[in-house]
Protein backbone atom coordinates (compact mmCIF):
# COMPACT_ATOMS: atom_id res chain seq x y z
CA MET A 1 58.26 107.00 -34.22
CA SER A 2 56.74 103.56 -34.95
CA GLU A 3 53.61 102.51 -33.39
CA LEU A 4 53.78 99.66 -30.88
CA PRO A 5 51.90 96.55 -31.81
CA GLN A 6 48.80 96.61 -29.84
CA THR A 7 48.58 93.53 -27.63
CA PRO A 8 45.11 91.92 -27.80
CA PRO A 9 43.09 92.12 -24.66
CA PHE A 10 43.27 89.22 -22.43
CA GLU A 11 40.47 86.67 -22.80
CA GLN A 12 38.43 86.20 -19.55
CA GLU A 13 37.77 82.57 -18.86
CA GLU A 14 34.05 81.97 -18.56
CA PRO A 15 33.17 80.91 -14.90
CA GLU A 16 32.17 77.27 -14.37
CA LYS A 17 28.47 76.53 -14.71
CA PRO A 18 27.07 74.74 -11.65
CA GLU A 19 26.20 71.17 -12.24
CA ASN A 20 22.62 70.30 -13.20
CA HIS A 21 21.79 67.71 -10.62
CA ALA A 22 18.72 66.70 -12.50
CA SER A 23 20.65 65.52 -15.47
CA SER A 24 23.78 63.84 -13.52
CA ALA A 25 24.58 60.42 -13.58
CA ILE A 26 22.96 57.90 -11.04
CA PRO A 27 24.66 57.72 -7.71
CA ASN A 28 27.26 54.85 -7.39
CA HIS A 29 25.34 52.83 -4.89
CA ARG A 30 22.25 52.80 -7.14
CA VAL A 31 24.17 51.63 -10.08
CA LYS A 32 25.54 48.88 -8.13
CA GLN A 33 22.33 47.71 -6.90
CA ALA A 34 20.86 47.80 -10.39
CA SER A 35 23.81 45.74 -11.51
CA GLU A 36 23.27 43.16 -8.73
CA LYS A 37 19.76 42.82 -9.90
CA PHE A 38 20.65 42.16 -13.44
CA ARG A 39 22.99 39.38 -12.21
CA VAL A 40 20.50 37.66 -10.28
CA VAL A 41 18.13 36.99 -13.13
CA PRO A 42 20.52 34.59 -14.99
CA SER A 43 21.24 32.97 -11.57
CA LEU A 44 17.56 32.33 -10.88
CA GLN A 45 17.26 31.08 -14.51
CA THR A 46 20.19 28.72 -14.11
CA PHE A 47 18.65 27.25 -10.77
CA PHE A 48 15.20 26.78 -12.36
CA THR A 49 16.68 25.17 -15.40
CA TYR A 50 18.67 22.67 -13.42
CA ALA A 51 15.60 21.94 -11.32
CA PHE A 52 13.59 21.39 -14.19
CA LEU A 53 16.23 18.88 -15.66
CA ALA A 54 16.47 17.17 -12.24
CA ALA A 55 12.64 16.60 -12.21
CA THR A 56 12.64 15.49 -15.68
CA LEU A 57 15.39 12.81 -15.09
CA PHE A 58 13.61 11.69 -11.82
CA THR A 59 10.40 11.14 -13.62
CA LEU A 60 12.09 9.57 -16.90
CA PHE A 61 13.94 6.92 -14.78
CA THR A 62 11.40 5.14 -12.88
CA PRO A 63 10.98 1.36 -13.10
CA ASN A 64 7.67 1.39 -15.10
CA ASN A 65 8.93 3.63 -17.84
CA LEU A 66 12.72 3.29 -17.94
CA PHE A 67 12.33 1.06 -20.91
CA SER A 68 9.28 2.29 -22.61
CA GLY A 69 9.21 3.74 -26.29
CA GLN A 70 8.91 7.39 -24.78
CA THR A 71 12.16 7.18 -22.79
CA ILE A 72 14.25 8.21 -25.89
CA GLU A 73 12.12 11.12 -26.95
CA ARG A 74 12.12 12.59 -23.56
CA LEU A 75 15.79 12.02 -23.03
CA PHE A 76 16.26 13.97 -26.25
CA ALA A 77 13.95 16.79 -25.46
CA ALA A 78 15.75 17.17 -22.22
CA TRP A 79 19.09 17.04 -23.82
CA GLN A 80 18.18 20.01 -26.15
CA ALA A 81 17.68 22.20 -22.93
CA ASN A 82 21.04 21.47 -21.62
CA PRO A 83 23.02 18.63 -23.22
CA GLU A 84 26.07 18.96 -21.11
CA THR A 85 24.12 18.23 -17.81
CA ILE A 86 21.86 15.44 -19.38
CA SER A 87 24.86 13.54 -20.83
CA GLN A 88 26.59 13.57 -17.43
CA VAL A 89 23.55 12.17 -15.37
CA SER A 90 22.14 9.86 -18.14
CA ALA A 91 25.31 7.78 -18.45
CA THR A 92 24.92 6.81 -14.82
CA GLN A 93 21.26 5.84 -15.20
CA VAL A 94 21.46 3.93 -18.51
CA SER A 95 24.40 1.91 -17.07
CA ASN A 96 21.92 0.40 -14.47
CA SER A 97 19.79 -1.35 -16.99
CA ALA A 98 18.35 -4.72 -17.63
CA ALA A 99 21.60 -6.18 -18.90
CA ASN A 100 22.53 -7.30 -15.35
CA ARG A 101 19.25 -7.66 -13.66
CA ILE A 102 17.17 -10.82 -12.72
CA GLY A 103 13.82 -10.92 -11.18
CA ILE A 104 12.85 -13.47 -8.66
CA VAL A 105 9.33 -13.89 -7.76
CA ALA A 106 8.47 -15.51 -4.32
CA GLY A 107 5.20 -17.29 -5.03
CA HIS A 108 2.08 -16.13 -3.06
CA TRP A 109 4.26 -13.88 -1.02
CA GLN A 110 2.24 -10.80 0.33
CA ASN A 111 -0.91 -12.15 -1.24
CA ASP A 112 -1.97 -15.50 0.32
CA SER A 113 -0.58 -18.68 1.86
CA GLY A 114 -0.74 -20.84 -1.23
CA SER A 115 -0.86 -24.60 -0.39
CA VAL A 116 -1.20 -25.43 3.43
CA CYS A 117 -0.08 -28.62 5.06
CA GLU A 118 -2.09 -30.10 7.99
CA ASP A 119 0.62 -29.00 10.31
CA GLY A 120 0.49 -25.33 9.24
CA LEU A 121 3.52 -25.27 6.88
CA THR A 122 2.60 -23.09 3.84
CA GLU A 123 3.89 -23.01 0.31
CA GLN A 124 4.40 -19.21 0.61
CA GLU A 125 6.90 -19.62 3.42
CA ILE A 126 8.65 -22.29 1.55
CA ASN A 127 8.69 -20.22 -1.61
CA LEU A 128 10.09 -17.01 0.12
CA THR A 129 12.90 -19.04 1.76
CA ILE A 130 14.06 -20.46 -1.48
CA ALA A 131 13.70 -17.09 -3.47
CA THR A 132 15.69 -15.27 -0.89
CA LEU A 133 18.44 -17.76 -1.01
CA VAL A 134 18.39 -17.49 -4.93
CA GLN A 135 18.60 -13.80 -4.51
CA GLN A 136 21.70 -13.90 -2.21
CA LYS A 137 23.53 -16.51 -4.46
CA LEU A 138 22.86 -14.39 -7.70
CA THR A 139 23.89 -11.19 -5.89
CA ALA A 140 27.10 -12.87 -4.78
CA GLU A 141 27.95 -13.51 -8.44
CA GLY A 142 27.36 -9.77 -9.40
CA TYR A 143 23.91 -9.83 -10.74
CA THR A 144 21.36 -7.08 -9.64
CA VAL A 145 18.68 -9.18 -8.17
CA ASP A 146 14.98 -8.01 -7.34
CA LEU A 147 13.14 -10.04 -4.82
CA LEU A 148 9.36 -9.56 -6.12
CA SER A 149 6.23 -10.36 -4.30
CA GLU A 150 3.37 -12.41 -6.18
CA PHE A 151 1.59 -9.31 -7.60
CA ASP A 152 4.49 -6.92 -7.12
CA ASP A 153 3.80 -3.50 -8.79
CA ARG A 154 7.23 -3.78 -10.37
CA LEU A 155 6.28 -6.53 -12.48
CA VAL A 156 4.36 -4.09 -15.00
CA GLN A 157 6.63 -3.90 -17.87
CA TYR A 158 9.55 -5.41 -15.97
CA LYS A 159 12.49 -5.72 -17.93
CA ALA A 160 15.60 -8.08 -17.15
CA ILE A 161 17.73 -10.87 -18.39
CA ALA A 162 15.31 -13.30 -16.80
CA LEU A 163 12.49 -13.67 -14.50
CA ILE A 164 11.69 -16.72 -12.35
CA SER A 165 8.62 -17.33 -10.17
CA ILE A 166 9.26 -19.93 -7.57
CA HIS A 167 6.30 -21.98 -6.48
CA ASN A 168 5.63 -25.57 -5.09
CA ASP A 169 2.94 -28.16 -5.49
CA SER A 170 0.16 -29.41 -3.09
CA CYS A 171 0.82 -30.96 0.38
CA THR A 172 -1.79 -33.49 -0.23
CA TYR A 173 -0.75 -37.10 -0.93
CA VAL A 174 -1.87 -38.01 -4.47
CA ASN A 175 0.31 -41.05 -5.20
CA ASN A 176 3.79 -42.22 -5.01
CA GLU A 177 4.49 -40.66 -8.31
CA ALA A 178 3.61 -37.26 -7.02
CA THR A 179 7.19 -36.16 -6.56
CA GLY A 180 9.55 -33.92 -8.69
CA PHE A 181 9.47 -30.58 -10.33
CA LYS A 182 7.90 -28.73 -13.19
CA VAL A 183 8.90 -25.84 -15.46
CA VAL A 184 6.98 -23.73 -17.92
CA SER A 185 8.23 -20.51 -19.89
CA ALA A 186 6.42 -17.61 -21.12
CA MET A 187 6.14 -18.86 -24.89
CA HIS A 188 4.47 -15.63 -26.11
CA SER A 189 7.43 -13.78 -25.41
CA ALA A 190 9.35 -11.63 -28.04
CA TYR A 191 12.01 -14.44 -28.27
CA PRO A 192 10.40 -17.83 -27.88
CA GLU A 193 13.58 -19.58 -28.59
CA LYS A 194 15.03 -17.92 -25.42
CA ALA A 195 12.11 -19.17 -23.59
CA ASN A 196 12.73 -22.83 -24.67
CA ARG A 197 16.48 -22.36 -23.75
CA LEU A 198 15.54 -21.08 -20.28
CA THR A 199 13.26 -23.97 -19.74
CA ALA A 200 15.77 -26.52 -21.02
CA CYS A 201 18.51 -25.14 -18.69
CA LEU A 202 16.27 -25.04 -15.67
CA ILE A 203 15.33 -28.68 -16.24
CA ASP A 204 18.82 -29.93 -16.77
CA ARG A 205 20.61 -28.12 -14.00
CA TYR A 206 17.74 -28.60 -11.40
CA HIS A 207 17.49 -32.10 -11.91
CA ARG A 208 21.21 -32.49 -11.76
CA ASP A 209 21.65 -30.68 -8.42
CA THR A 210 18.60 -31.98 -6.51
CA GLY A 211 18.04 -35.44 -8.21
CA LEU A 212 14.27 -34.72 -8.27
CA PRO A 213 12.78 -35.81 -11.59
CA TYR A 214 11.15 -33.52 -14.17
CA HIS A 215 7.35 -33.95 -13.67
CA ALA A 216 5.99 -32.54 -16.95
CA ASN A 217 2.81 -34.53 -16.96
CA THR A 218 1.16 -32.38 -14.27
CA VAL A 219 1.71 -29.07 -15.71
CA THR A 220 -1.38 -26.77 -14.97
CA ASN A 221 -3.09 -24.03 -16.80
CA ASP A 222 -2.19 -21.82 -13.92
CA MET A 223 1.52 -22.45 -14.74
CA THR A 224 1.06 -22.02 -18.57
CA ASN A 225 -0.98 -19.00 -18.12
CA TYR A 226 0.65 -17.48 -15.24
CA HIS A 227 -0.36 -13.76 -14.74
CA ALA A 228 3.20 -12.32 -14.59
CA PHE A 229 3.77 -13.56 -18.17
CA ASP A 230 1.40 -10.95 -19.43
CA GLU A 231 2.65 -8.23 -17.16
CA ILE A 232 6.32 -8.15 -17.79
CA HIS A 233 8.10 -6.55 -20.75
CA THR A 234 7.92 -9.02 -23.95
CA ASP A 235 11.78 -8.68 -24.11
CA THR A 236 12.04 -10.38 -20.63
CA THR A 237 12.55 -14.18 -20.74
CA ALA A 238 10.47 -15.67 -17.84
CA ALA A 239 9.55 -18.95 -16.46
CA ILE A 240 7.78 -20.40 -13.44
CA ILE A 241 9.04 -23.38 -11.62
CA GLU A 242 7.50 -25.65 -9.07
CA THR A 243 10.54 -26.80 -7.05
CA GLY A 244 8.71 -29.96 -5.68
CA PHE A 245 5.64 -31.44 -3.96
CA LEU A 246 5.28 -30.29 -0.36
CA ASN A 247 4.15 -33.92 0.58
CA LEU A 248 6.88 -36.59 -0.89
CA ASP A 249 9.34 -33.77 -1.54
CA ARG A 250 9.06 -32.00 1.90
CA LYS A 251 12.36 -33.43 3.21
CA ILE A 252 14.70 -31.56 0.68
CA LEU A 253 12.37 -28.48 0.41
CA THR A 254 12.50 -27.73 4.07
CA GLU A 255 15.65 -29.33 5.21
CA ASN A 256 17.92 -28.49 2.11
CA PRO A 257 16.66 -25.30 0.62
CA ASP A 258 20.17 -24.17 -0.10
CA LEU A 259 20.57 -26.98 -2.62
CA VAL A 260 17.06 -26.40 -4.13
CA ALA A 261 18.00 -22.76 -4.67
CA GLN A 262 21.30 -23.90 -6.24
CA GLY A 263 19.52 -25.79 -8.83
CA ILE A 264 17.77 -22.63 -9.85
CA VAL A 265 20.90 -20.47 -9.93
CA ASP A 266 22.59 -23.15 -11.99
CA GLY A 267 19.93 -23.17 -14.36
CA LEU A 268 19.83 -19.30 -14.65
CA ASN A 269 23.68 -19.34 -15.31
CA CYS A 270 23.14 -22.03 -17.98
CA PHE A 271 20.78 -19.82 -19.76
CA ILE A 272 22.69 -16.59 -19.40
CA ARG A 273 26.09 -18.13 -20.28
CA ASN A 274 24.85 -20.32 -23.04
CA GLU A 275 26.28 -23.41 -21.57
CA SER A 276 25.64 -26.86 -22.96
CA ILE A 277 22.90 -29.28 -21.57
CA SER A 278 22.31 -32.61 -21.39
CA PRO A 279 20.42 -34.25 -24.36
CA VAL A 280 18.35 -36.46 -22.17
CA VAL A 281 16.22 -35.25 -19.39
CA THR A 282 14.55 -37.76 -16.69
CA VAL A 283 10.90 -37.31 -16.99
CA ALA A 284 8.54 -38.69 -14.04
CA PRO A 285 5.57 -40.87 -15.39
């Protein structure tokens, strides 16, 4: 009788070992909190990066240093930190440049009265009236126009197409020839040929519009060495004009300042648009 094959004994399964809680995974709620903390860090970094860039741009584009030699270097440094953001912001800032800007100084405004007539009329109020009208007319033509006081802080390194300072001569009677206007440009600018051109345009157009003679013989050192000429950026073409004598020219200055302002505006447009001028200018003796 053959032996029956022996069946191997059944293997008993080992009982499950209890979990060792000391080495188990961190509970889900703690994992979530840790994950959120790690997400907050880059968010804060992004926030402070944008805040830094905004502060940099605010400092960069101020009137005194917008056109300084450090501007490009500082812009490049900021661009390296975040080129996409800087390119978007700087495009708007740069578009508002000197290419369309004109400065108009109202002589003596916010400083002193200037010449004073016996009845109390002051040069300062005449200058401000004319300067305001010039600003309004140029703004209507699409220019960006700054109305500046005599010692305006913005004059330091001021950069524009042109800057005109408006003044008037004495209210005291001198003689019957003390009538007319005077113009002097900043000849020590970076482009003296532009200064000559601005002077010629102002003389030609102002004489044409007002009928007043050009009174070159009484140009003073105060005009030639006008303080703003040494304060503005050397690229800015500048001139000072005395629009008349407060004595013999008082009528046109007080009763028709709009015409006086138009003469200045036309002179500026002649300069900016490179218009032709008359070869002969009437000069008072």
